[in-house]
C-alpha atoms as a PDB file:
ATOM      1  CA  UNK A   1      -2.441  72.743 145.544  1.00  0.00           C
ATOM      2  CA  UNK A   2      -4.381  71.162 142.967  1.00  0.00           C
ATOM      3  CA  UNK A   3      -4.448  67.634 142.322  1.00  0.00           C
ATOM      4  CA  UNK A   4      -2.340  66.613 139.060  1.00  0.00           C
ATOM      5  CA  UNK A   5      -5.380  65.908 137.426  1.00  0.00           C
ATOM      6  CA  UNK A   6      -7.139  69.119 137.559  1.00  0.00           C
ATOM      7  CA  UNK A   7      -4.175  71.860 137.019  1.00  0.00           C
ATOM      8  CA  UNK A   8      -5.548  74.932 134.996  1.00  0.00           C
ATOM      9  CA  UNK A   9      -3.455  76.608 132.186  1.00  0.00           C
ATOM     10  CA  UNK A  10      -3.553  79.594 135.029  1.00  0.00           C
ATOM     11  CA  UNK A  11      -1.759  77.526 137.975  1.00  0.00           C
ATOM     12  CA  UNK A  12       1.126  76.290 135.495  1.00  0.00           C
ATOM     13  CA  UNK A  13       1.236  80.104 134.539  1.00  0.00           C
ATOM     14  CA  UNK A  14       1.296  81.356 138.011  1.00  0.00           C
ATOM     15  CA  UNK A  15       3.557  78.616 139.355  1.00  0.00           C
ATOM     16  CA  UNK A  16       6.090  79.128 136.376  1.00  0.00           C
ATOM     17  CA  UNK A  17       5.998  82.749 136.778  1.00  0.00           C
ATOM     18  CA  UNK A  18       6.548  82.951 140.422  1.00  0.00           C
ATOM     19  CA  UNK A  19       9.758  81.020 140.100  1.00  0.00           C
ATOM     20  CA  UNK A  20      10.964  82.596 137.341  1.00  0.00           C
ATOM     21  CA  UNK A  21      10.130  85.663 139.412  1.00  0.00           C
ATOM     22  CA  UNK A  22      12.363  84.470 142.572  1.00  0.00           C
ATOM     23  CA  UNK A  23      15.124  82.484 140.490  1.00  0.00           C
ATOM     24  CA  UNK A  24      14.984  84.448 137.057  1.00  0.00           C
ATOM     25  CA  UNK A  25      18.419  82.402 136.073  1.00  0.00           C
ATOM     26  CA  UNK A  26      16.544  78.983 135.800  1.00  0.00           C
ATOM     27  CA  UNK A  27      15.696  77.093 132.496  1.00  0.00           C
ATOM     28  CA  UNK A  28      12.326  78.345 130.868  1.00  0.00           C
ATOM     29  CA  UNK A  29      11.894  75.093 129.302  1.00  0.00           C
ATOM     30  CA  UNK A  30      12.987  72.836 132.286  1.00  0.00           C
ATOM     31  CA  UNK A  31      10.010  74.459 133.711  1.00  0.00           C
ATOM     32  CA  UNK A  32       7.909  74.262 131.055  1.00  0.00           C
ATOM     33  CA  UNK A  33       8.311  70.517 130.990  1.00  0.00           C
ATOM     34  CA  UNK A  34       7.441  70.512 134.759  1.00  0.00           C
ATOM     35  CA  UNK A  35       3.694  70.842 133.782  1.00  0.00           C
ATOM     36  CA  UNK A  36       2.151  72.869 136.836  1.00  0.00           C
ATOM     37  CA  UNK A  37       3.934  70.208 138.847  1.00  0.00           C
ATOM     38  CA  UNK A  38       4.881  72.395 142.022  1.00  0.00           C
ATOM     39  CA  UNK A  39       7.133  69.335 143.121  1.00  0.00           C
ATOM     40  CA  UNK A  40       9.121  69.518 139.577  1.00  0.00           C
ATOM     41  CA  UNK A  41       9.824  72.565 140.219  1.00  0.00           C
ATOM     42  CA  UNK A  42      11.464  72.625 143.448  1.00  0.00           C
ATOM     43  CA  UNK A  43      13.487  69.545 142.791  1.00  0.00           C
ATOM     44  CA  UNK A  44      14.929  71.834 139.703  1.00  0.00           C
ATOM     45  CA  UNK A  45      14.945  75.091 142.112  1.00  0.00           C
ATOM     46  CA  UNK A  46      16.929  73.027 144.679  1.00  0.00           C
ATOM     47  CA  UNK A  47      19.564  72.040 142.233  1.00  0.00           C
ATOM     48  CA  UNK A  48      20.299  76.247 142.824  1.00  0.00           C
ATOM     49  CA  UNK A  49      19.888  77.253 146.193  1.00  0.00           C
ATOM     50  CA  UNK A  50      20.498  76.129 149.272  1.00  0.00           C
ATOM     51  CA  UNK A  51      16.946  76.153 150.769  1.00  0.00           C
ATOM     52  CA  UNK A  52      15.350  72.907 151.976  1.00  0.00           C
ATOM     53  CA  UNK A  53      12.586  71.841 149.628  1.00  0.00           C
ATOM     54  CA  UNK A  54       9.784  72.778 152.169  1.00  0.00           C
ATOM     55  CA  UNK A  55      11.371  76.317 152.169  1.00  0.00           C
ATOM     56  CA  UNK A  56      10.510  76.636 148.556  1.00  0.00           C
ATOM     57  CA  UNK A  57       7.679  74.936 148.026  1.00  0.00           C
ATOM     58  CA  UNK A  58       5.948  77.501 150.558  1.00  0.00           C
ATOM     59  CA  UNK A  59       7.257  80.605 148.267  1.00  0.00           C
ATOM     60  CA  UNK A  60       6.097  79.169 145.146  1.00  0.00           C
ATOM     61  CA  UNK A  61       2.751  78.372 146.992  1.00  0.00           C
ATOM     62  CA  UNK A  62       1.910  81.562 148.975  1.00  0.00           C
ATOM     63  CA  UNK A  63      -1.407  83.224 148.164  1.00  0.00           C
ATOM     64  CA  UNK A  64      -1.463  85.737 145.449  1.00  0.00           C
ATOM     65  CA  UNK A  65      -1.017  89.789 147.061  1.00  0.00           C
ATOM     66  CA  UNK A  66      -3.390  91.898 145.422  1.00  0.00           C
ATOM     67  CA  UNK A  67      -2.508  96.059 144.885  1.00  0.00           C
ATOM     68  CA  UNK A  68      -5.254  96.765 147.305  1.00  0.00           C
ATOM     69  CA  UNK A  69      -3.254  94.410 150.059  1.00  0.00           C
ATOM     70  CA  UNK A  70       0.047  95.313 149.544  1.00  0.00           C
ATOM     71  CA  UNK A  71      -1.106  99.480 149.861  1.00  0.00           C
ATOM     72  CA  UNK A  72      -2.669  98.537 152.914  1.00  0.00           C
ATOM     73  CA  UNK A  73       0.179  96.602 154.281  1.00  0.00           C
ATOM     74  CA  UNK A  74       2.544  98.703 153.446  1.00  0.00           C
ATOM     75  CA  UNK A  75       1.457 102.127 153.142  1.00  0.00           C
END
């Protein structure tokens, strides 16, 4: 995970998109206020789920899967 000083807009956007895809009822403004801080997003999500914080972080930071990889793995 990037350190606090080197978060690019792409990293922030990807983190926001992943959080909203997994938990669509999250407050978009609250996620934007996290400014790419994965731990901030974990605190937001933990209010809405029984998952432990490390599981939420793992879901948020999973590597992206390309269309080709998905086709290879799942046919």
